[in-house]
PDB file of all heavy atoms in Angstrom:
ATOM      1  N   VAL A   1       0.873  -1.172   0.000  1.00  0.00           N
ATOM      2  CA  VAL A   1       0.000   0.000   0.000  1.00  0.00           C
ATOM      3  C   VAL A   1       0.913   1.225   0.000  1.00  0.00           C
ATOM      4  O   VAL A   1       1.826   1.314   0.814  1.00  0.00           O
ATOM      5  CB  VAL A   1      -0.929   0.029   1.228  1.00  0.00           C
ATOM      6  CG1 VAL A   1      -1.755   1.309   1.228  1.00  0.00           C
ATOM      7  CG2 VAL A   1      -1.842  -1.192   1.244  1.00  0.00           C
ATOM      8  N   ASP A   2       0.668   2.142  -0.918  1.00  0.00           N
ATOM      9  CA  ASP A   2       1.602   3.237  -1.158  1.00  0.00           C
ATOM     10  C   ASP A   2       0.982   4.579  -0.785  1.00  0.00           C
ATOM     11  O   ASP A   2      -0.031   4.976  -1.350  1.00  0.00           O
ATOM     12  CB  ASP A   2       1.990   3.215  -2.642  1.00  0.00           C
ATOM     13  CG  ASP A   2       3.123   4.157  -2.974  1.00  0.00           C
ATOM     14  OD1 ASP A   2       3.514   4.955  -2.111  1.00  0.00           O
ATOM     15  OD2 ASP A   2       3.616   4.089  -4.114  1.00  0.00           O
ATOM     16  N   PHE A   3       1.606   5.294   0.139  1.00  0.00           N
ATOM     17  CA  PHE A   3       1.163   6.643   0.471  1.00  0.00           C
ATOM     18  C   PHE A   3       1.573   7.655  -0.597  1.00  0.00           C
ATOM     19  O   PHE A   3       1.115   8.795  -0.585  1.00  0.00           O
ATOM     20  CB  PHE A   3       1.750   7.089   1.814  1.00  0.00           C
ATOM     21  CG  PHE A   3       0.957   6.632   3.011  1.00  0.00           C
ATOM     22  CD1 PHE A   3       1.484   5.689   3.872  1.00  0.00           C
ATOM     23  CD2 PHE A   3      -0.305   7.135   3.265  1.00  0.00           C
ATOM     24  CE1 PHE A   3       0.754   5.263   4.981  1.00  0.00           C
ATOM     25  CE2 PHE A   3      -1.038   6.721   4.360  1.00  0.00           C
ATOM     26  CZ  PHE A   3      -0.508   5.777   5.225  1.00  0.00           C
ATOM     27  N   GLY A   4       2.454   7.243  -1.512  1.00  0.00           N
ATOM     28  CA  GLY A   4       2.904   8.173  -2.539  1.00  0.00           C
ATOM     29  C   GLY A   4       3.786   9.256  -1.953  1.00  0.00           C
ATOM     30  O   GLY A   4       4.521   9.047  -0.992  1.00  0.00           O
ATOM     31  N   GLU A   5       3.709  10.443  -2.521  1.00  0.00           N
ATOM     32  CA  GLU A   5       4.542  11.556  -2.070  1.00  0.00           C
ATOM     33  C   GLU A   5       3.879  12.261  -0.899  1.00  0.00           C
ATOM     34  O   GLU A   5       2.733  12.703  -0.994  1.00  0.00           O
ATOM     35  CB  GLU A   5       4.779  12.546  -3.203  1.00  0.00           C
ATOM     36  CG  GLU A   5       5.692  13.707  -2.820  1.00  0.00           C
ATOM     37  CD  GLU A   5       5.949  14.651  -3.979  1.00  0.00           C
ATOM     38  OE1 GLU A   5       5.511  14.325  -5.095  1.00  0.00           O
ATOM     39  OE2 GLU A   5       6.568  15.696  -3.755  1.00  0.00           O
ATOM     40  N   LEU A   6       4.594  12.367   0.204  1.00  0.00           N
ATOM     41  CA  LEU A   6       4.104  13.096   1.368  1.00  0.00           C
ATOM     42  C   LEU A   6       4.617  14.532   1.334  1.00  0.00           C
ATOM     43  O   LEU A   6       5.681  14.814   0.784  1.00  0.00           O
ATOM     44  CB  LEU A   6       4.565  12.408   2.659  1.00  0.00           C
ATOM     45  CG  LEU A   6       4.088  10.973   2.850  1.00  0.00           C
ATOM     46  CD1 LEU A   6       4.613  10.412   4.167  1.00  0.00           C
ATOM     47  CD2 LEU A   6       2.577  10.879   2.794  1.00  0.00           C
ATOM     48  N   LYS A   7       3.841  15.430   1.935  1.00  0.00           N
ATOM     49  CA  LYS A   7       4.194  16.854   1.914  1.00  0.00           C
ATOM     50  C   LYS A   7       4.123  17.446   3.306  1.00  0.00           C
ATOM     51  O   LYS A   7       3.419  16.943   4.181  1.00  0.00           O
ATOM     52  CB  LYS A   7       3.236  17.613   0.985  1.00  0.00           C
ATOM     53  CG  LYS A   7       3.275  17.144  -0.457  1.00  0.00           C
ATOM     54  CD  LYS A   7       2.281  17.909  -1.319  1.00  0.00           C
ATOM     55  CE  LYS A   7       2.314  17.436  -2.752  1.00  0.00           C
ATOM     56  NZ  LYS A   7       1.320  18.153  -3.597  1.00  0.00           N
ATOM     57  N   GLN A   8       4.851  18.514   3.485  1.00  0.00           N
ATOM     58  CA  GLN A   8       4.812  19.247   4.752  1.00  0.00           C
ATOM     59  C   GLN A   8       3.611  20.184   4.723  1.00  0.00           C
ATOM     60  O   GLN A   8       3.710  21.353   4.364  1.00  0.00           O
ATOM     61  CB  GLN A   8       6.103  20.030   4.965  1.00  0.00           C
ATOM     62  CG  GLN A   8       7.301  19.157   5.287  1.00  0.00           C
ATOM     63  CD  GLN A   8       8.557  19.981   5.520  1.00  0.00           C
ATOM     64  OE1 GLN A   8       8.892  20.849   4.722  1.00  0.00           O
ATOM     65  NE2 GLN A   8       9.261  19.705   6.600  1.00  0.00           N
ATOM     66  N   GLU A   9       2.457  19.648   5.108  1.00  0.00           N
ATOM     67  CA  GLU A   9       1.249  20.455   5.141  1.00  0.00           C
ATOM     68  C   GLU A   9       0.288  19.888   6.184  1.00  0.00           C
ATOM     69  O   GLU A   9       0.373  18.715   6.563  1.00  0.00           O
ATOM     70  CB  GLU A   9       0.585  20.505   3.767  1.00  0.00           C
ATOM     71  CG  GLU A   9       0.219  19.151   3.194  1.00  0.00           C
ATOM     72  CD  GLU A   9      -0.305  19.240   1.776  1.00  0.00           C
ATOM     73  OE1 GLU A   9       0.089  20.178   1.063  1.00  0.00           O
ATOM     74  OE2 GLU A   9      -1.121  18.386   1.403  1.00  0.00           O
ATOM     75  N   ASP A  10      -0.626  20.711   6.615  1.00  0.00           N
ATOM     76  CA  ASP A  10      -1.545  20.327   7.684  1.00  0.00           C
ATOM     77  C   ASP A  10      -2.771  19.620   7.096  1.00  0.00           C
ATOM     78  O   ASP A  10      -3.896  20.117   7.162  1.00  0.00           O
ATOM     79  CB  ASP A  10      -1.961  21.574   8.472  1.00  0.00           C
ATOM     80  CG  ASP A  10      -2.716  21.218   9.746  1.00  0.00           C
ATOM     81  OD1 ASP A  10      -2.667  20.045  10.150  1.00  0.00           O
ATOM     82  OD2 ASP A  10      -3.351  22.124  10.325  1.00  0.00           O
ATOM     83  N   THR A  11      -2.551  18.448   6.521  1.00  0.00           N
ATOM     84  CA  THR A  11      -3.622  17.644   5.945  1.00  0.00           C
ATOM     85  C   THR A  11      -3.382  16.180   6.291  1.00  0.00           C
ATOM     86  O   THR A  11      -2.266  15.770   6.595  1.00  0.00           O
ATOM     87  CB  THR A  11      -3.697  17.789   4.416  1.00  0.00           C
ATOM     88  OG1 THR A  11      -2.446  17.350   3.848  1.00  0.00           O
ATOM     89  CG2 THR A  11      -3.981  19.214   4.007  1.00  0.00           C
ATOM     90  N   LYS A  12      -4.441  15.406   6.197  1.00  0.00           N
ATOM     91  CA  LYS A  12      -4.348  13.971   6.421  1.00  0.00           C
ATOM     92  C   LYS A  12      -4.436  13.265   5.071  1.00  0.00           C
ATOM     93  O   LYS A  12      -5.254  13.615   4.226  1.00  0.00           O
ATOM     94  CB  LYS A  12      -5.474  13.498   7.340  1.00  0.00           C
ATOM     95  CG  LYS A  12      -5.414  14.090   8.738  1.00  0.00           C
ATOM     96  CD  LYS A  12      -6.597  13.623   9.574  1.00  0.00           C
ATOM     97  CE  LYS A  12      -6.489  14.118  11.003  1.00  0.00           C
ATOM     98  NZ  LYS A  12      -6.609  15.590  11.098  1.00  0.00           N
ATOM     99  N   LYS A  13      -3.593  12.258   4.878  1.00  0.00           N
ATOM    100  CA  LYS A  13      -3.579  11.518   3.618  1.00  0.00           C
ATOM    101  C   LYS A  13      -4.121  10.114   3.862  1.00  0.00           C
ATOM    102  O   LYS A  13      -3.626   9.379   4.714  1.00  0.00           O
ATOM    103  CB  LYS A  13      -2.164  11.464   3.048  1.00  0.00           C
ATOM    104  CG  LYS A  13      -2.129  10.898   1.636  1.00  0.00           C
ATOM    105  CD  LYS A  13      -0.842  11.261   0.929  1.00  0.00           C
ATOM    106  CE  LYS A  13      -0.935  10.928  -0.551  1.00  0.00           C
ATOM    107  NZ  LYS A  13       0.304  11.284  -1.273  1.00  0.00           N
ATOM    108  N   ASP A  14      -5.154   9.747   3.103  1.00  0.00           N
ATOM    109  CA  ASP A  14      -5.785   8.438   3.231  1.00  0.00           C
ATOM    110  C   ASP A  14      -5.499   7.595   1.993  1.00  0.00           C
ATOM    111  O   ASP A  14      -5.565   8.090   0.859  1.00  0.00           O
ATOM    112  CB  ASP A  14      -7.304   8.583   3.374  1.00  0.00           C
ATOM    113  CG  ASP A  14      -7.712   9.362   4.613  1.00  0.00           C
ATOM    114  OD1 ASP A  14      -6.922   9.404   5.569  1.00  0.00           O
ATOM    115  OD2 ASP A  14      -8.826   9.929   4.620  1.00  0.00           O
ATOM    116  N   VAL A  15      -5.190   6.328   2.210  1.00  0.00           N
ATOM    117  CA  VAL A  15      -5.034   5.377   1.107  1.00  0.00           C
ATOM    118  C   VAL A  15      -5.831   4.122   1.437  1.00  0.00           C
ATOM    119  O   VAL A  15      -6.008   3.761   2.603  1.00  0.00           O
ATOM    120  CB  VAL A  15      -3.555   5.023   0.842  1.00  0.00           C
ATOM    121  CG1 VAL A  15      -2.808   6.218   0.285  1.00  0.00           C
ATOM    122  CG2 VAL A  15      -2.880   4.504   2.096  1.00  0.00           C
ATOM    123  N   ALA A  16      -6.303   3.460   0.401  1.00  0.00           N
ATOM    124  CA  ALA A  16      -7.179   2.299   0.580  1.00  0.00           C
ATOM    125  C   ALA A  16      -6.390   0.995   0.617  1.00  0.00           C
ATOM    126  O   ALA A  16      -5.308   0.880   0.040  1.00  0.00           O
ATOM    127  CB  ALA A  16      -8.196   2.251  -0.558  1.00  0.00           C
ATOM    128  N   TYR A  17      -6.966   0.011   1.306  1.00  0.00           N
ATOM    129  CA  TYR A  17      -6.470  -1.360   1.246  1.00  0.00           C
ATOM    130  C   TYR A  17      -7.678  -2.286   1.364  1.00  0.00           C
ATOM    131  O   TYR A  17      -8.761  -1.866   1.829  1.00  0.00           O
ATOM    132  CB  TYR A  17      -5.465  -1.647   2.374  1.00  0.00           C
ATOM    133  CG  TYR A  17      -6.088  -1.757   3.747  1.00  0.00           C
ATOM    134  CD1 TYR A  17      -6.492  -2.992   4.254  1.00  0.00           C
ATOM    135  CD2 TYR A  17      -6.310  -0.617   4.523  1.00  0.00           C
ATOM    136  CE1 TYR A  17      -7.086  -3.091   5.510  1.00  0.00           C
ATOM    137  CE2 TYR A  17      -6.895  -0.721   5.775  1.00  0.00           C
ATOM    138  CZ  TYR A  17      -7.279  -1.952   6.265  1.00  0.00           C
ATOM    139  OH  TYR A  17      -7.882  -2.052   7.492  1.00  0.00           O
ATOM    140  N   THR A  18      -7.533  -3.527   0.935  1.00  0.00           N
ATOM    141  CA  THR A  18      -8.628  -4.492   1.048  1.00  0.00           C
ATOM    142  C   THR A  18      -8.105  -5.812   1.595  1.00  0.00           C
ATOM    143  O   THR A  18      -6.953  -6.188   1.366  1.00  0.00           O
ATOM    144  CB  THR A  18      -9.321  -4.755  -0.302  1.00  0.00           C
ATOM    145  OG1 THR A  18      -8.355  -5.240  -1.242  1.00  0.00           O
ATOM    146  CG2 THR A  18      -9.976  -3.500  -0.843  1.00  0.00           C
ATOM    147  N   VAL A  19      -8.966  -6.502   2.313  1.00  0.00           N
ATOM    148  CA  VAL A  19      -8.704  -7.858   2.795  1.00  0.00           C
ATOM    149  C   VAL A  19      -9.924  -8.685   2.394  1.00  0.00           C
ATOM    150  O   VAL A  19     -11.055  -8.307   2.703  1.00  0.00           O
ATOM    151  CB  VAL A  19      -8.514  -7.890   4.319  1.00  0.00           C
ATOM    152  CG1 VAL A  19      -8.274  -9.322   4.798  1.00  0.00           C
ATOM    153  CG2 VAL A  19      -7.354  -6.990   4.736  1.00  0.00           C
ATOM    154  N   THR A  20      -9.696  -9.806   1.706  1.00  0.00           N
ATOM    155  CA  THR A  20     -10.804 -10.574   1.144  1.00  0.00           C
ATOM    156  C   THR A  20     -10.702 -12.049   1.513  1.00  0.00           C
ATOM    157  O   THR A  20      -9.619 -12.635   1.439  1.00  0.00           O
ATOM    158  CB  THR A  20     -10.819 -10.448  -0.401  1.00  0.00           C
ATOM    159  OG1 THR A  20     -10.948  -9.076  -0.763  1.00  0.00           O
ATOM    160  CG2 THR A  20     -11.985 -11.235  -1.003  1.00  0.00           C
ATOM    161  N   LEU A  21     -11.821 -12.616   1.898  1.00  0.00           N
ATOM    162  CA  LEU A  21     -11.901 -14.065   2.083  1.00  0.00           C
ATOM    163  C   LEU A  21     -12.258 -14.670   0.730  1.00  0.00           C
ATOM    164  O   LEU A  21     -13.406 -14.627   0.295  1.00  0.00           O
ATOM    165  CB  LEU A  21     -12.967 -14.421   3.128  1.00  0.00           C
ATOM    166  CG  LEU A  21     -13.199 -15.914   3.372  1.00  0.00           C
ATOM    167  CD1 LEU A  21     -11.938 -16.601   3.870  1.00  0.00           C
ATOM    168  CD2 LEU A  21     -14.353 -16.135   4.344  1.00  0.00           C
ATOM    169  N   ASP A  22     -11.272 -15.220   0.054  1.00  0.00           N
ATOM    170  CA  ASP A  22     -11.470 -15.754  -1.288  1.00  0.00           C
ATOM    171  C   ASP A  22     -12.148 -17.119  -1.285  1.00  0.00           C
ATOM    172  O   ASP A  22     -12.949 -17.425  -2.166  1.00  0.00           O
ATOM    173  CB  ASP A  22     -10.123 -15.869  -2.018  1.00  0.00           C
ATOM    174  CG  ASP A  22      -9.499 -14.525  -2.280  1.00  0.00           C
ATOM    175  OD1 ASP A  22     -10.151 -13.687  -2.912  1.00  0.00           O
ATOM    176  OD2 ASP A  22      -8.366 -14.303  -1.822  1.00  0.00           O
ATOM    177  N   GLU A  23     -11.792 -17.930  -0.297  1.00  0.00           N
ATOM    178  CA  GLU A  23     -12.291 -19.307  -0.292  1.00  0.00           C
ATOM    179  C   GLU A  23     -12.395 -19.809   1.141  1.00  0.00           C
ATOM    180  O   GLU A  23     -11.529 -19.518   1.972  1.00  0.00           O
ATOM    181  CB  GLU A  23     -11.324 -20.196  -1.085  1.00  0.00           C
ATOM    182  CG  GLU A  23     -11.693 -21.651  -1.171  1.00  0.00           C
ATOM    183  CD  GLU A  23     -10.655 -22.461  -1.935  1.00  0.00           C
ATOM    184  OE1 GLU A  23     -10.202 -21.991  -2.997  1.00  0.00           O
ATOM    185  OE2 GLU A  23     -10.287 -23.549  -1.448  1.00  0.00           O
ATOM    186  N   VAL A  24     -13.455 -20.547   1.440  1.00  0.00           N
ATOM    187  CA  VAL A  24     -13.601 -21.159   2.755  1.00  0.00           C
ATOM    188  C   VAL A  24     -14.393 -22.449   2.596  1.00  0.00           C
ATOM    189  O   VAL A  24     -15.341 -22.517   1.822  1.00  0.00           O
ATOM    190  CB  VAL A  24     -14.288 -20.209   3.762  1.00  0.00           C
ATOM    191  CG1 VAL A  24     -15.693 -19.825   3.312  1.00  0.00           C
ATOM    192  CG2 VAL A  24     -14.307 -20.830   5.155  1.00  0.00           C
ATOM    193  N   ASN A  25     -13.971 -23.474   3.323  1.00  0.00           N
ATOM    194  CA  ASN A  25     -14.632 -24.771   3.269  1.00  0.00           C
ATOM    195  C   ASN A  25     -14.861 -25.300   4.678  1.00  0.00           C
ATOM    196  O   ASN A  25     -13.996 -25.188   5.551  1.00  0.00           O
ATOM    197  CB  ASN A  25     -13.775 -25.774   2.483  1.00  0.00           C
ATOM    198  CG  ASN A  25     -13.553 -25.346   1.052  1.00  0.00           C
ATOM    199  OD1 ASN A  25     -14.453 -25.370   0.226  1.00  0.00           O
ATOM    200  ND2 ASN A  25     -12.329 -24.915   0.750  1.00  0.00           N
ATOM    201  N   ASN A  26     -16.044 -25.886   4.888  1.00  0.00           N
ATOM    202  CA  ASN A  26     -16.394 -26.603   6.123  1.00  0.00           C
ATOM    203  C   ASN A  26     -16.511 -25.711   7.351  1.00  0.00           C
ATOM    204  O   ASN A  26     -16.462 -26.206   8.477  1.00  0.00           O
ATOM    205  CB  ASN A  26     -15.389 -27.729   6.401  1.00  0.00           C
ATOM    206  CG  ASN A  26     -15.284 -28.700   5.240  1.00  0.00           C
ATOM    207  OD1 ASN A  26     -16.296 -29.106   4.667  1.00  0.00           O
ATOM    208  ND2 ASN A  26     -14.058 -29.052   4.866  1.00  0.00           N
ATOM    209  N   LEU A  27     -16.654 -24.411   7.161  1.00  0.00           N
ATOM    210  CA  LEU A  27     -16.859 -23.511   8.293  1.00  0.00           C
ATOM    211  C   LEU A  27     -18.347 -23.459   8.632  1.00  0.00           C
ATOM    212  O   LEU A  27     -19.198 -23.391   7.738  1.00  0.00           O
ATOM    213  CB  LEU A  27     -16.366 -22.109   7.945  1.00  0.00           C
ATOM    214  CG  LEU A  27     -16.431 -21.065   9.062  1.00  0.00           C
ATOM    215  CD1 LEU A  27     -15.261 -21.248  10.016  1.00  0.00           C
ATOM    216  CD2 LEU A  27     -16.412 -19.645   8.488  1.00  0.00           C
ATOM    217  N   ASP A  28     -18.674 -23.493   9.915  1.00  0.00           N
ATOM    218  CA  ASP A  28     -20.053 -23.318  10.364  1.00  0.00           C
ATOM    219  C   ASP A  28     -20.290 -21.819  10.558  1.00  0.00           C
ATOM    220  O   ASP A  28     -19.870 -21.258  11.574  1.00  0.00           O
ATOM    221  CB  ASP A  28     -20.283 -24.063  11.676  1.00  0.00           C
ATOM    222  CG  ASP A  28     -21.710 -23.917  12.187  1.00  0.00           C
ATOM    223  OD1 ASP A  28     -22.483 -23.142  11.584  1.00  0.00           O
ATOM    224  OD2 ASP A  28     -22.046 -24.571  13.199  1.00  0.00           O
ATOM    225  N   PRO A  29     -20.949 -21.154   9.608  1.00  0.00           N
ATOM    226  CA  PRO A  29     -21.067 -19.688   9.686  1.00  0.00           C
ATOM    227  C   PRO A  29     -21.941 -19.204  10.829  1.00  0.00           C
ATOM    228  O   PRO A  29     -21.924 -18.007  11.154  1.00  0.00           O
ATOM    229  CB  PRO A  29     -21.672 -19.319   8.328  1.00  0.00           C
ATOM    230  CG  PRO A  29     -22.417 -20.545   7.901  1.00  0.00           C
ATOM    231  CD  PRO A  29     -21.624 -21.707   8.428  1.00  0.00           C
ATOM    232  N   ASP A  30     -22.703 -20.096  11.432  1.00  0.00           N
ATOM    233  CA  ASP A  30     -23.550 -19.705  12.556  1.00  0.00           C
ATOM    234  C   ASP A  30     -22.799 -19.765  13.887  1.00  0.00           C
ATOM    235  O   ASP A  30     -23.249 -19.198  14.876  1.00  0.00           O
ATOM    236  CB  ASP A  30     -24.785 -20.608  12.628  1.00  0.00           C
ATOM    237  CG  ASP A  30     -25.704 -20.435  11.428  1.00  0.00           C
ATOM    238  OD1 ASP A  30     -25.829 -19.290  10.949  1.00  0.00           O
ATOM    239  OD2 ASP A  30     -26.270 -21.445  10.958  1.00  0.00           O
ATOM    240  N   ALA A  31     -21.681 -20.472  13.888  1.00  0.00           N
ATOM    241  CA  ALA A  31     -20.954 -20.658  15.148  1.00  0.00           C
ATOM    242  C   ALA A  31     -19.491 -20.253  15.073  1.00  0.00           C
ATOM    243  O   ALA A  31     -18.863 -20.023  16.106  1.00  0.00           O
ATOM    244  CB  ALA A  31     -21.045 -22.120  15.585  1.00  0.00           C
ATOM    245  N   GLN A  32     -18.936 -20.176  13.862  1.00  0.00           N
ATOM    246  CA  GLN A  32     -17.513 -19.904  13.701  1.00  0.00           C
ATOM    247  C   GLN A  32     -17.291 -18.702  12.798  1.00  0.00           C
ATOM    248  O   GLN A  32     -18.158 -18.319  12.004  1.00  0.00           O
ATOM    249  CB  GLN A  32     -16.798 -21.119  13.082  1.00  0.00           C
ATOM    250  CG  GLN A  32     -16.855 -22.391  13.896  1.00  0.00           C
ATOM    251  CD  GLN A  32     -16.279 -23.554  13.106  1.00  0.00           C
ATOM    252  OE1 GLN A  32     -16.771 -23.896  12.029  1.00  0.00           O
ATOM    253  NE2 GLN A  32     -15.218 -24.153  13.641  1.00  0.00           N
ATOM    254  N   GLN A  33     -16.107 -18.136  12.893  1.00  0.00           N
ATOM    255  CA  GLN A  33     -15.683 -17.099  11.969  1.00  0.00           C
ATOM    256  C   GLN A  33     -14.176 -17.166  11.815  1.00  0.00           C
ATOM    257  O   GLN A  33     -13.484 -17.745  12.664  1.00  0.00           O
ATOM    258  CB  GLN A  33     -16.084 -15.711  12.455  1.00  0.00           C
ATOM    259  CG  GLN A  33     -15.355 -15.255  13.713  1.00  0.00           C
ATOM    260  CD  GLN A  33     -15.782 -13.866  14.147  1.00  0.00           C
ATOM    261  OE1 GLN A  33     -16.909 -13.441  13.895  1.00  0.00           O
ATOM    262  NE2 GLN A  33     -14.876 -13.135  14.803  1.00  0.00           N
ATOM    263  N   ILE A  34     -13.682 -16.604  10.731  1.00  0.00           N
ATOM    264  CA  ILE A  34     -12.240 -16.474  10.543  1.00  0.00           C
ATOM    265  C   ILE A  34     -11.880 -15.047  10.915  1.00  0.00           C
ATOM    266  O   ILE A  34     -12.230 -14.101  10.218  1.00  0.00           O
ATOM    267  CB  ILE A  34     -11.820 -16.786   9.099  1.00  0.00           C
ATOM    268  CG1 ILE A  34     -12.286 -18.197   8.726  1.00  0.00           C
ATOM    269  CG2 ILE A  34     -10.306 -16.659   8.931  1.00  0.00           C
ATOM    270  CD1 ILE A  34     -12.218 -18.490   7.249  1.00  0.00           C
ATOM    271  N   SER A  35     -11.227 -14.908  12.047  1.00  0.00           N
ATOM    272  CA  SER A  35     -10.876 -13.585  12.566  1.00  0.00           C
ATOM    273  C   SER A  35      -9.523 -13.153  12.014  1.00  0.00           C
ATOM    274  O   SER A  35      -8.592 -13.954  11.911  1.00  0.00           O
ATOM    275  CB  SER A  35     -10.815 -13.602  14.096  1.00  0.00           C
ATOM    276  OG  SER A  35     -12.077 -13.940  14.644  1.00  0.00           O
ATOM    277  N   VAL A  36      -9.430 -11.877  11.655  1.00  0.00           N
ATOM    278  CA  VAL A  36      -8.187 -11.305  11.150  1.00  0.00           C
ATOM    279  C   VAL A  36      -7.732 -10.199  12.093  1.00  0.00           C
ATOM    280  O   VAL A  36      -8.516  -9.315  12.461  1.00  0.00           O
ATOM    281  CB  VAL A  36      -8.369 -10.741   9.729  1.00  0.00           C
ATOM    282  CG1 VAL A  36      -7.050 -10.143   9.212  1.00  0.00           C
ATOM    283  CG2 VAL A  36      -8.877 -11.820   8.776  1.00  0.00           C
ATOM    284  N   TYR A  37      -6.481 -10.289  12.508  1.00  0.00           N
ATOM    285  CA  TYR A  37      -5.870  -9.297  13.388  1.00  0.00           C
ATOM    286  C   TYR A  37      -4.708  -8.637  12.639  1.00  0.00           C
ATOM    287  O   TYR A  37      -4.149  -9.216  11.699  1.00  0.00           O
ATOM    288  CB  TYR A  37      -5.345  -9.953  14.667  1.00  0.00           C
ATOM    289  CG  TYR A  37      -6.414 -10.588  15.525  1.00  0.00           C
ATOM    290  CD1 TYR A  37      -6.897 -11.863  15.236  1.00  0.00           C
ATOM    291  CD2 TYR A  37      -6.931  -9.915  16.632  1.00  0.00           C
ATOM    292  CE1 TYR A  37      -7.892 -12.450  16.025  1.00  0.00           C
ATOM    293  CE2 TYR A  37      -7.912 -10.497  17.428  1.00  0.00           C
ATOM    294  CZ  TYR A  37      -8.390 -11.758  17.120  1.00  0.00           C
ATOM    295  OH  TYR A  37      -9.363 -12.331  17.898  1.00  0.00           O
ATOM    296  N   VAL A  38      -4.324  -7.449  13.080  1.00  0.00           N
ATOM    297  CA  VAL A  38      -3.221  -6.751  12.417  1.00  0.00           C
ATOM    298  C   VAL A  38      -2.461  -5.909  13.432  1.00  0.00           C
ATOM    299  O   VAL A  38      -3.032  -5.399  14.397  1.00  0.00           O
ATOM    300  CB  VAL A  38      -3.737  -5.872  11.247  1.00  0.00           C
ATOM    301  CG1 VAL A  38      -4.615  -4.734  11.762  1.00  0.00           C
ATOM    302  CG2 VAL A  38      -2.585  -5.341  10.412  1.00  0.00           C
ATOM    303  N   LYS A  39      -1.142  -5.791  13.212  1.00  0.00           N
ATOM    304  CA  LYS A  39      -0.299  -4.948  14.064  1.00  0.00           C
ATOM    305  C   LYS A  39       0.917  -4.500  13.270  1.00  0.00           C
ATOM    306  O   LYS A  39       1.214  -5.036  12.196  1.00  0.00           O
ATOM    307  CB  LYS A  39       0.147  -5.707  15.315  1.00  0.00           C
ATOM    308  CG  LYS A  39       1.052  -6.899  15.026  1.00  0.00           C
ATOM    309  CD  LYS A  39       1.441  -7.616  16.319  1.00  0.00           C
ATOM    310  CE  LYS A  39       2.334  -8.816  16.034  1.00  0.00           C
ATOM    311  NZ  LYS A  39       2.738  -9.517  17.282  1.00  0.00           N
ATOM    312  N   ASN A  40       1.633  -3.524  13.799  1.00  0.00           N
ATOM    313  CA  ASN A  40       2.924  -3.146  13.233  1.00  0.00           C
ATOM    314  C   ASN A  40       3.923  -4.267  13.507  1.00  0.00           C
ATOM    315  O   ASN A  40       3.815  -4.984  14.498  1.00  0.00           O
ATOM    316  CB  ASN A  40       3.422  -1.847  13.860  1.00  0.00           C
ATOM    317  CG  ASN A  40       4.598  -1.246  13.118  1.00  0.00           C
ATOM    318  OD1 ASN A  40       4.465  -0.846  11.964  1.00  0.00           O
ATOM    319  ND2 ASN A  40       5.749  -1.170  13.765  1.00  0.00           N
ATOM    320  N   GLN A  41       4.903  -4.425  12.655  1.00  0.00           N
ATOM    321  CA  GLN A  41       5.798  -5.572  12.756  1.00  0.00           C
ATOM    322  C   GLN A  41       6.517  -5.680  14.094  1.00  0.00           C
ATOM    323  O   GLN A  41       6.812  -6.777  14.557  1.00  0.00           O
ATOM    324  CB  GLN A  41       6.820  -5.568  11.620  1.00  0.00           C
ATOM    325  CG  GLN A  41       7.844  -4.452  11.700  1.00  0.00           C
ATOM    326  CD  GLN A  41       8.861  -4.521  10.580  1.00  0.00           C
ATOM    327  OE1 GLN A  41       9.015  -3.599   9.812  1.00  0.00           O
ATOM    328  NE2 GLN A  41       9.558  -5.613  10.463  1.00  0.00           N
ATOM    329  N   ASN A  42       6.793  -4.567  14.748  1.00  0.00           N
ATOM    330  CA  ASN A  42       7.524  -4.607  16.016  1.00  0.00           C
ATOM    331  C   ASN A  42       6.638  -4.334  17.225  1.00  0.00           C
ATOM    332  O   ASN A  42       7.145  -4.171  18.330  1.00  0.00           O
ATOM    333  CB  ASN A  42       8.673  -3.595  15.977  1.00  0.00           C
ATOM    334  CG  ASN A  42       9.711  -3.931  14.923  1.00  0.00           C
ATOM    335  OD1 ASN A  42      10.086  -5.078  14.766  1.00  0.00           O
ATOM    336  ND2 ASN A  42      10.150  -2.919  14.179  1.00  0.00           N
ATOM    337  N   ALA A  43       5.339  -4.282  17.025  1.00  0.00           N
ATOM    338  CA  ALA A  43       4.433  -3.963  18.125  1.00  0.00           C
ATOM    339  C   ALA A  43       4.343  -5.115  19.117  1.00  0.00           C
ATOM    340  O   ALA A  43       4.375  -6.285  18.747  1.00  0.00           O
ATOM    341  CB  ALA A  43       3.046  -3.647  17.583  1.00  0.00           C
ATOM    342  N   THR A  44       4.232  -4.769  20.397  1.00  0.00           N
ATOM    343  CA  THR A  44       4.050  -5.759  21.451  1.00  0.00           C
ATOM    344  C   THR A  44       2.960  -5.277  22.402  1.00  0.00           C
ATOM    345  O   THR A  44       2.679  -4.080  22.490  1.00  0.00           O
ATOM    346  CB  THR A  44       5.346  -5.993  22.248  1.00  0.00           C
ATOM    347  OG1 THR A  44       5.729  -4.761  22.884  1.00  0.00           O
ATOM    348  CG2 THR A  44       6.467  -6.481  21.344  1.00  0.00           C
TER     349      THR A  44
END
């Protein structure tokens, strides 16, 4: 995901990303889910 060129200005820059469940088998959608978590690489 690319922020492109950043500038010294008082604005916020937003960029898009997507996460998609392409395929799933044998999951009980009424009782289970596939949870996705995210963090910075060095976060604790």
